[in-house]
Amino acid sequence: MRCACLVHAMMRIEKPVTVLFDDYGARTLYRDVERVVTPAEMIGTMARFELKPDMLSKKDLSFAIRQFFVGSIHGCGEKYYEAGNPA
């Protein structure tokens, strides 16, 4: 769900925004978002992202849709991100 929230922010912002993403370093599957944005800084297991409007390109929309599906009940939500998940 956190990846979907980050992607949603990328789609909606109209001015630069800082996003703090807790447990990012502890859950490797969260790193899927690095396809579209990389952390500006790691603080322990928390990542700091600096977002700007229009960072998400049209070619990344299928990635965004996947994040919303994975974060939904049909995509198993946060359970998807647990260690050892083969997805």
PDB file of N, CA and C in Angstrom:
ATOM      1  N   MET A   1       0.814  -1.180   0.000  1.00  0.00           N
ATOM      2  CA  MET A   1       0.000   0.000   0.000  1.00  0.00           C
ATOM      3  C   MET A   1       0.870   1.260   0.000  1.00  0.00           C
ATOM      4  N   ARG A   2       2.031   1.197   0.655  1.00  0.00           N
ATOM      5  CA  ARG A   2       2.892   2.380   0.716  1.00  0.00           C
ATOM      6  C   ARG A   2       3.411   2.758  -0.667  1.00  0.00           C
ATOM      7  N   CYS A   3       3.725   1.762  -1.482  1.00  0.00           N
ATOM      8  CA  CYS A   3       4.186   2.065  -2.847  1.00  0.00           C
ATOM      9  C   CYS A   3       3.086   2.756  -3.633  1.00  0.00           C
ATOM     10  N   ALA A   4       1.863   2.276  -3.486  1.00  0.00           N
ATOM     11  CA  ALA A   4       0.731   2.896  -4.179  1.00  0.00           C
ATOM     12  C   ALA A   4       0.532   4.327  -3.700  1.00  0.00           C
ATOM     13  N   CYS A   5       0.702   4.575  -2.415  1.00  0.00           N
ATOM     14  CA  CYS A   5       0.558   5.939  -1.886  1.00  0.00           C
ATOM     15  C   CYS A   5       1.626   6.859  -2.462  1.00  0.00           C
ATOM     16  N   LEU A   6       2.857   6.358  -2.570  1.00  0.00           N
ATOM     17  CA  LEU A   6       3.934   7.165  -3.138  1.00  0.00           C
ATOM     18  C   LEU A   6       3.645   7.490  -4.603  1.00  0.00           C
ATOM     19  N   VAL A   7       3.221   6.495  -5.364  1.00  0.00           N
ATOM     20  CA  VAL A   7       2.900   6.701  -6.774  1.00  0.00           C
ATOM     21  C   VAL A   7       1.710   7.657  -6.915  1.00  0.00           C
ATOM     22  N   HIS A   8       0.730   7.514  -6.040  1.00  0.00           N
ATOM     23  CA  HIS A   8      -0.426   8.409  -6.081  1.00  0.00           C
ATOM     24  C   HIS A   8       0.015   9.851  -5.843  1.00  0.00           C
ATOM     25  N   ALA A   9       0.887  10.049  -4.871  1.00  0.00           N
ATOM     26  CA  ALA A   9       1.416  11.398  -4.622  1.00  0.00           C
ATOM     27  C   ALA A   9       2.115  11.935  -5.864  1.00  0.00           C
ATOM     28  N   MET A  10       2.897  11.082  -6.521  1.00  0.00           N
ATOM     29  CA  MET A  10       3.611  11.504  -7.729  1.00  0.00           C
ATOM     30  C   MET A  10       2.635  11.953  -8.810  1.00  0.00           C
ATOM     31  N   MET A  11       1.477  11.324  -8.875  1.00  0.00           N
ATOM     32  CA  MET A  11       0.493  11.650  -9.897  1.00  0.00           C
ATOM     33  C   MET A  11      -0.262  12.934  -9.583  1.00  0.00           C
ATOM     34  N   ARG A  12      -0.403  13.271  -8.300  1.00  0.00           N
ATOM     35  CA  ARG A  12      -1.308  14.349  -7.907  1.00  0.00           C
ATOM     36  C   ARG A  12      -0.649  15.670  -7.524  1.00  0.00           C
ATOM     37  N   ILE A  13       0.618  15.653  -7.140  1.00  0.00           N
ATOM     38  CA  ILE A  13       1.215  16.881  -6.606  1.00  0.00           C
ATOM     39  C   ILE A  13       1.298  17.987  -7.656  1.00  0.00           C
ATOM     40  N   GLU A  14       1.197  19.208  -7.175  1.00  0.00           N
ATOM     41  CA  GLU A  14       1.296  20.383  -8.042  1.00  0.00           C
ATOM     42  C   GLU A  14       2.484  21.259  -7.675  1.00  0.00           C
ATOM     43  N   LYS A  15       3.197  20.877  -6.606  1.00  0.00           N
ATOM     44  CA  LYS A  15       4.419  21.563  -6.202  1.00  0.00           C
ATOM     45  C   LYS A  15       5.344  20.517  -5.570  1.00  0.00           C
ATOM     46  N   PRO A  16       6.630  20.800  -5.403  1.00  0.00           N
ATOM     47  CA  PRO A  16       7.546  19.811  -4.817  1.00  0.00           C
ATOM     48  C   PRO A  16       7.086  19.366  -3.425  1.00  0.00           C
ATOM     49  N   VAL A  17       7.280  18.072  -3.157  1.00  0.00           N
ATOM     50  CA  VAL A  17       6.842  17.463  -1.902  1.00  0.00           C
ATOM     51  C   VAL A  17       7.926  16.516  -1.408  1.00  0.00           C
ATOM     52  N   THR A  18       8.142  16.506  -0.096  1.00  0.00           N
ATOM     53  CA  THR A  18       9.020  15.529   0.537  1.00  0.00           C
ATOM     54  C   THR A  18       8.149  14.412   1.094  1.00  0.00           C
ATOM     55  N   VAL A  19       8.503  13.160   0.781  1.00  0.00           N
ATOM     56  CA  VAL A  19       7.783  11.996   1.291  1.00  0.00           C
ATOM     57  C   VAL A  19       8.754  11.163   2.118  1.00  0.00           C
ATOM     58  N   LEU A  20       8.363  10.832   3.345  1.00  0.00           N
ATOM     59  CA  LEU A  20       9.144   9.952   4.211  1.00  0.00           C
ATOM     60  C   LEU A  20       8.481   8.585   4.195  1.00  0.00           C
ATOM     61  N   PHE A  21       9.250   7.568   3.867  1.00  0.00           N
ATOM     62  CA  PHE A  21       8.739   6.213   3.621  1.00  0.00           C
ATOM     63  C   PHE A  21       9.388   5.284   4.644  1.00  0.00           C
ATOM     64  N   ASP A  22       8.661   4.979   5.728  1.00  0.00           N
ATOM     65  CA  ASP A  22       9.202   4.161   6.818  1.00  0.00           C
ATOM     66  C   ASP A  22       9.333   2.699   6.402  1.00  0.00           C
ATOM     67  N   ASP A  23      10.290   2.014   6.974  1.00  0.00           N
ATOM     68  CA  ASP A  23      10.577   0.588   6.724  1.00  0.00           C
ATOM     69  C   ASP A  23      11.039   0.308   5.302  1.00  0.00           C
ATOM     70  N   TYR A  24      11.364   1.325   4.541  1.00  0.00           N
ATOM     71  CA  TYR A  24      11.783   1.142   3.150  1.00  0.00           C
ATOM     72  C   TYR A  24      13.021   0.251   3.057  1.00  0.00           C
ATOM     73  N   GLY A  25      13.970   0.469   3.922  1.00  0.00           N
ATOM     74  CA  GLY A  25      15.199  -0.321   3.891  1.00  0.00           C
ATOM     75  C   GLY A  25      15.023  -1.741   4.382  1.00  0.00           C
ATOM     76  N   ALA A  26      13.968  -1.991   5.150  1.00  0.00           N
ATOM     77  CA  ALA A  26      13.742  -3.312   5.732  1.00  0.00           C
ATOM     78  C   ALA A  26      12.943  -4.244   4.823  1.00  0.00           C
ATOM     79  N   ARG A  27      12.264  -3.690   3.833  1.00  0.00           N
ATOM     80  CA  ARG A  27      11.401  -4.511   2.961  1.00  0.00           C
ATOM     81  C   ARG A  27      11.835  -4.321   1.512  1.00  0.00           C
ATOM     82  N   THR A  28      12.531  -5.301   1.004  1.00  0.00           N
ATOM     83  CA  THR A  28      13.143  -5.162  -0.323  1.00  0.00           C
ATOM     84  C   THR A  28      12.132  -4.958  -1.448  1.00  0.00           C
ATOM     85  N   LEU A  29      10.934  -5.477  -1.312  1.00  0.00           N
ATOM     86  CA  LEU A  29       9.956  -5.319  -2.387  1.00  0.00           C
ATOM     87  C   LEU A  29       9.465  -3.886  -2.514  1.00  0.00           C
ATOM     88  N   TYR A  30       9.651  -3.064  -1.474  1.00  0.00           N
ATOM     89  CA  TYR A  30       9.312  -1.644  -1.598  1.00  0.00           C
ATOM     90  C   TYR A  30      10.182  -0.979  -2.662  1.00  0.00           C
ATOM     91  N   ARG A  31      11.328  -1.556  -2.918  1.00  0.00           N
ATOM     92  CA  ARG A  31      12.265  -0.946  -3.861  1.00  0.00           C
ATOM     93  C   ARG A  31      11.776  -0.994  -5.305  1.00  0.00           C
ATOM     94  N   ASP A  32      10.633  -1.608  -5.529  1.00  0.00           N
ATOM     95  CA  ASP A  32      10.011  -1.562  -6.860  1.00  0.00           C
ATOM     96  C   ASP A  32       9.828  -0.117  -7.319  1.00  0.00           C
ATOM     97  N   VAL A  33       9.594   0.784  -6.370  1.00  0.00           N
ATOM     98  CA  VAL A  33       9.348   2.181  -6.744  1.00  0.00           C
ATOM     99  C   VAL A  33      10.570   2.835  -7.376  1.00  0.00           C
ATOM    100  N   GLU A  34      11.733   2.240  -7.210  1.00  0.00           N
ATOM    101  CA  GLU A  34      12.945   2.823  -7.795  1.00  0.00           C
ATOM    102  C   GLU A  34      12.919   2.774  -9.321  1.00  0.00           C
ATOM    103  N   ARG A  35      11.941   2.102  -9.860  1.00  0.00           N
ATOM    104  CA  ARG A  35      11.732   2.156 -11.310  1.00  0.00           C
ATOM    105  C   ARG A  35      11.341   3.576 -11.742  1.00  0.00           C
ATOM    106  N   VAL A  36      10.684   4.315 -10.836  1.00  0.00           N
ATOM    107  CA  VAL A  36      10.213   5.654 -11.186  1.00  0.00           C
ATOM    108  C   VAL A  36      10.820   6.767 -10.340  1.00  0.00           C
ATOM    109  N   VAL A  37      11.344   6.454  -9.156  1.00  0.00           N
ATOM    110  CA  VAL A  37      11.948   7.468  -8.286  1.00  0.00           C
ATOM    111  C   VAL A  37      12.900   6.777  -7.307  1.00  0.00           C
ATOM    112  N   THR A  38      14.023   7.413  -7.035  1.00  0.00           N
ATOM    113  CA  THR A  38      14.982   6.855  -6.075  1.00  0.00           C
ATOM    114  C   THR A  38      15.015   7.734  -4.824  1.00  0.00           C
ATOM    115  N   PRO A  39      15.327   7.126  -3.686  1.00  0.00           N
ATOM    116  CA  PRO A  39      15.390   7.921  -2.456  1.00  0.00           C
ATOM    117  C   PRO A  39      16.494   8.975  -2.537  1.00  0.00           C
ATOM    118  N   ALA A  40      16.198  10.150  -2.008  1.00  0.00           N
ATOM    119  CA  ALA A  40      17.211  11.202  -1.919  1.00  0.00           C
ATOM    120  C   ALA A  40      18.159  10.904  -0.766  1.00  0.00           C
ATOM    121  N   GLU A  41      17.647  10.167   0.245  1.00  0.00           N
ATOM    122  CA  GLU A  41      18.441   9.869   1.431  1.00  0.00           C
ATOM    123  C   GLU A  41      17.819   8.692   2.170  1.00  0.00           C
ATOM    124  N   MET A  42      18.666   7.898   2.807  1.00  0.00           N
ATOM    125  CA  MET A  42      18.213   6.848   3.720  1.00  0.00           C
ATOM    126  C   MET A  42      18.594   7.266   5.134  1.00  0.00           C
ATOM    127  N   ILE A  43      17.648   7.162   6.064  1.00  0.00           N
ATOM    128  CA  ILE A  43      17.873   7.472   7.467  1.00  0.00           C
ATOM    129  C   ILE A  43      17.441   6.232   8.236  1.00  0.00           C
ATOM    130  N   GLY A  44      18.405   5.387   8.571  1.00  0.00           N
ATOM    131  CA  GLY A  44      18.059   4.084   9.137  1.00  0.00           C
ATOM    132  C   GLY A  44      17.338   3.281   8.072  1.00  0.00           C
ATOM    133  N   THR A  45      16.122   2.825   8.382  1.00  0.00           N
ATOM    134  CA  THR A  45      15.338   2.092   7.382  1.00  0.00           C
ATOM    135  C   THR A  45      14.330   2.988   6.669  1.00  0.00           C
ATOM    136  N   MET A  46      14.318   4.284   7.013  1.00  0.00           N
ATOM    137  CA  MET A  46      13.388   5.225   6.387  1.00  0.00           C
ATOM    138  C   MET A  46      14.032   5.892   5.175  1.00  0.00           C
ATOM    139  N   ALA A  47      13.258   6.001   4.103  1.00  0.00           N
ATOM    140  CA  ALA A  47      13.735   6.672   2.897  1.00  0.00           C
ATOM    141  C   ALA A  47      13.061   8.040   2.788  1.00  0.00           C
ATOM    142  N   ARG A  48      13.839   8.999   2.336  1.00  0.00           N
ATOM    143  CA  ARG A  48      13.297  10.329   2.046  1.00  0.00           C
ATOM    144  C   ARG A  48      13.279  10.507   0.537  1.00  0.00           C
ATOM    145  N   PHE A  49      12.108  10.777  -0.004  1.00  0.00           N
ATOM    146  CA  PHE A  49      11.935  11.022  -1.432  1.00  0.00           C
ATOM    147  C   PHE A  49      11.606  12.493  -1.640  1.00  0.00           C
ATOM    148  N   GLU A  50      12.197  13.083  -2.647  1.00  0.00           N
ATOM    149  CA  GLU A  50      11.887  14.451  -3.045  1.00  0.00           C
ATOM    150  C   GLU A  50      11.137  14.378  -4.380  1.00  0.00           C
ATOM    151  N   LEU A  51       9.856  14.637  -4.325  1.00  0.00           N
ATOM    152  CA  LEU A  51       9.014  14.528  -5.512  1.00  0.00           C
ATOM    153  C   LEU A  51       8.789  15.889  -6.141  1.00  0.00           C
ATOM    154  N   LYS A  52       8.675  15.892  -7.454  1.00  0.00           N
ATOM    155  CA  LYS A  52       8.363  17.099  -8.219  1.00  0.00           C
ATOM    156  C   LYS A  52       7.178  16.785  -9.135  1.00  0.00           C
ATOM    157  N   PRO A  53       6.369  17.783  -9.439  1.00  0.00           N
ATOM    158  CA  PRO A  53       5.236  17.543 -10.340  1.00  0.00           C
ATOM    159  C   PRO A  53       5.706  16.933 -11.667  1.00  0.00           C
ATOM    160  N   ASP A  54       4.881  16.095 -12.220  1.00  0.00           N
ATOM    161  CA  ASP A  54       5.107  15.482 -13.532  1.00  0.00           C
ATOM    162  C   ASP A  54       6.321  14.554 -13.586  1.00  0.00           C
ATOM    163  N   MET A  55       6.728  13.989 -12.456  1.00  0.00           N
ATOM    164  CA  MET A  55       7.834  13.026 -12.458  1.00  0.00           C
ATOM    165  C   MET A  55       7.425  11.689 -13.072  1.00  0.00           C
ATOM    166  N   LEU A  56       6.150  11.349 -12.955  1.00  0.00           N
ATOM    167  CA  LEU A  56       5.663  10.063 -13.448  1.00  0.00           C
ATOM    168  C   LEU A  56       5.271  10.231 -14.906  1.00  0.00           C
ATOM    169  N   SER A  57       5.973   9.536 -15.784  1.00  0.00           N
ATOM    170  CA  SER A  57       5.706   9.667 -17.213  1.00  0.00           C
ATOM    171  C   SER A  57       4.576   8.732 -17.649  1.00  0.00           C
ATOM    172  N   LYS A  58       4.053   8.975 -18.816  1.00  0.00           N
ATOM    173  CA  LYS A  58       2.997   8.119 -19.353  1.00  0.00           C
ATOM    174  C   LYS A  58       3.455   6.681 -19.479  1.00  0.00           C
ATOM    175  N   LYS A  59       4.728   6.473 -19.793  1.00  0.00           N
ATOM    176  CA  LYS A  59       5.225   5.102 -19.952  1.00  0.00           C
ATOM    177  C   LYS A  59       5.249   4.351 -18.620  1.00  0.00           C
ATOM    178  N   ASP A  60       5.140   5.080 -17.506  1.00  0.00           N
ATOM    179  CA  ASP A  60       5.145   4.443 -16.190  1.00  0.00           C
ATOM    180  C   ASP A  60       3.745   4.186 -15.645  1.00  0.00           C
ATOM    181  N   LEU A  61       2.712   4.465 -16.411  1.00  0.00           N
ATOM    182  CA  LEU A  61       1.351   4.296 -15.913  1.00  0.00           C
ATOM    183  C   LEU A  61       1.014   2.839 -15.610  1.00  0.00           C
ATOM    184  N   SER A  62       1.511   1.903 -16.393  1.00  0.00           N
ATOM    185  CA  SER A  62       1.226   0.492 -16.096  1.00  0.00           C
ATOM    186  C   SER A  62       1.872   0.090 -14.765  1.00  0.00           C
ATOM    187  N   PHE A  63       3.044   0.637 -14.473  1.00  0.00           N
ATOM    188  CA  PHE A  63       3.678   0.397 -13.176  1.00  0.00           C
ATOM    189  C   PHE A  63       2.795   0.953 -12.056  1.00  0.00           C
ATOM    190  N   ALA A  64       2.275   2.160 -12.259  1.00  0.00           N
ATOM    191  CA  ALA A  64       1.413   2.786 -11.254  1.00  0.00           C
ATOM    192  C   ALA A  64       0.164   1.937 -11.015  1.00  0.00           C
ATOM    193  N   ILE A  65      -0.458   1.475 -12.075  1.00  0.00           N
ATOM    194  CA  ILE A  65      -1.663   0.649 -11.948  1.00  0.00           C
ATOM    195  C   ILE A  65      -1.350  -0.616 -11.159  1.00  0.00           C
ATOM    196  N   ARG A  66      -0.207  -1.220 -11.415  1.00  0.00           N
ATOM    197  CA  ARG A  66       0.192  -2.431 -10.678  1.00  0.00           C
ATOM    198  C   ARG A  66       0.317  -2.135  -9.191  1.00  0.00           C
ATOM    199  N   GLN A  67       0.855  -0.987  -8.818  1.00  0.00           N
ATOM    200  CA  GLN A  67       1.003  -0.640  -7.403  1.00  0.00           C
ATOM    201  C   GLN A  67      -0.357  -0.511  -6.729  1.00  0.00           C
ATOM    202  N   PHE A  68      -1.336   0.053  -7.438  1.00  0.00           N
ATOM    203  CA  PHE A  68      -2.680   0.173  -6.866  1.00  0.00           C
ATOM    204  C   PHE A  68      -3.319  -1.207  -6.711  1.00  0.00           C
ATOM    205  N   PHE A  69      -3.099  -2.095  -7.680  1.00  0.00           N
ATOM    206  CA  PHE A  69      -3.648  -3.445  -7.575  1.00  0.00           C
ATOM    207  C   PHE A  69      -3.025  -4.198  -6.409  1.00  0.00           C
ATOM    208  N   VAL A  70      -1.707  -4.144  -6.302  1.00  0.00           N
ATOM    209  CA  VAL A  70      -1.004  -4.863  -5.231  1.00  0.00           C
ATOM    210  C   VAL A  70      -1.443  -4.358  -3.864  1.00  0.00           C
ATOM    211  N   GLY A  71      -1.699  -3.055  -3.753  1.00  0.00           N
ATOM    212  CA  GLY A  71      -2.131  -2.482  -2.484  1.00  0.00           C
ATOM    213  C   GLY A  71      -3.579  -2.759  -2.140  1.00  0.00           C
ATOM    214  N   SER A  72      -4.317  -3.331  -3.083  1.00  0.00           N
ATOM    215  CA  SER A  72      -5.741  -3.597  -2.851  1.00  0.00           C
ATOM    216  C   SER A  72      -5.936  -4.963  -2.213  1.00  0.00           C
ATOM    217  N   ILE A  73      -7.173  -5.248  -1.860  1.00  0.00           N
ATOM    218  CA  ILE A  73      -7.533  -6.553  -1.297  1.00  0.00           C
ATOM    219  C   ILE A  73      -7.223  -7.672  -2.287  1.00  0.00           C
ATOM    220  N   HIS A  74      -7.406  -7.417  -3.574  1.00  0.00           N
ATOM    221  CA  HIS A  74      -7.173  -8.435  -4.593  1.00  0.00           C
ATOM    222  C   HIS A  74      -5.688  -8.719  -4.775  1.00  0.00           C
ATOM    223  N   GLY A  75      -4.880  -7.737  -4.466  1.00  0.00           N
ATOM    224  CA  GLY A  75      -3.437  -7.910  -4.597  1.00  0.00           C
ATOM    225  C   GLY A  75      -2.775  -8.295  -3.288  1.00  0.00           C
ATOM    226  N   CYS A  76      -3.531  -8.572  -2.244  1.00  0.00           N
ATOM    227  CA  CYS A  76      -3.057  -9.010  -0.924  1.00  0.00           C
ATOM    228  C   CYS A  76      -2.583  -7.868  -0.032  1.00  0.00           C
ATOM    229  N   GLY A  77      -2.602  -6.629  -0.490  1.00  0.00           N
ATOM    230  CA  GLY A  77      -2.228  -5.502   0.360  1.00  0.00           C
ATOM    231  C   GLY A  77      -0.811  -5.617   0.895  1.00  0.00           C
ATOM    232  N   GLU A  78      -0.601  -5.219   2.144  1.00  0.00           N
ATOM    233  CA  GLU A  78       0.729  -5.214   2.758  1.00  0.00           C
ATOM    234  C   GLU A  78       1.342  -6.615   2.840  1.00  0.00           C
ATOM    235  N   LYS A  79       0.520  -7.662   2.841  1.00  0.00           N
ATOM    236  CA  LYS A  79       1.043  -9.016   2.922  1.00  0.00           C
ATOM    237  C   LYS A  79       2.012  -9.294   1.773  1.00  0.00           C
ATOM    238  N   TYR A  80       1.806  -8.648   0.634  1.00  0.00           N
ATOM    239  CA  TYR A  80       2.663  -8.798  -0.528  1.00  0.00           C
ATOM    240  C   TYR A  80       4.107  -8.453  -0.203  1.00  0.00           C
ATOM    241  N   TYR A  81       4.298  -7.524   0.715  1.00  0.00           N
ATOM    242  CA  TYR A  81       5.629  -7.021   0.999  1.00  0.00           C
ATOM    243  C   TYR A  81       6.385  -7.792   2.080  1.00  0.00           C
ATOM    244  N   GLU A  82       5.755  -8.811   2.656  1.00  0.00           N
ATOM    245  CA  GLU A  82       6.421  -9.581   3.699  1.00  0.00           C
ATOM    246  C   GLU A  82       7.609 -10.342   3.119  1.00  0.00           C
ATOM    247  N   ALA A  83       8.620 -10.511   3.917  1.00  0.00           N
ATOM    248  CA  ALA A  83       9.830 -11.212   3.497  1.00  0.00           C
ATOM    249  C   ALA A  83       9.475 -12.636   3.049  1.00  0.00           C
ATOM    250  N   GLY A  84      10.097 -13.055   1.988  1.00  0.00           N
ATOM    251  CA  GLY A  84       9.895 -14.406   1.493  1.00  0.00           C
ATOM    252  C   GLY A  84       8.758 -14.558   0.513  1.00  0.00           C
ATOM    253  N   ASN A  85       8.030 -13.489   0.222  1.00  0.00           N
ATOM    254  CA  ASN A  85       6.933 -13.568  -0.730  1.00  0.00           C
ATOM    255  C   ASN A  85       7.516 -13.772  -2.112  1.00  0.00           C
ATOM    256  N   PRO A  86       7.090 -14.819  -2.824  1.00  0.00           N
ATOM    257  CA  PRO A  86       7.641 -15.106  -4.141  1.00  0.00           C
ATOM    258  C   PRO A  86       7.211 -14.129  -5.229  1.00  0.00           C
ATOM    259  N   ALA A  87       6.220 -13.285  -4.964  1.00  0.00           N
ATOM    260  CA  ALA A  87       5.733 -12.350  -5.994  1.00  0.00           C
ATOM    261  C   ALA A  87       6.754 -11.378  -6.300  1.00  0.00           C
TER     262      ALA A  87
END
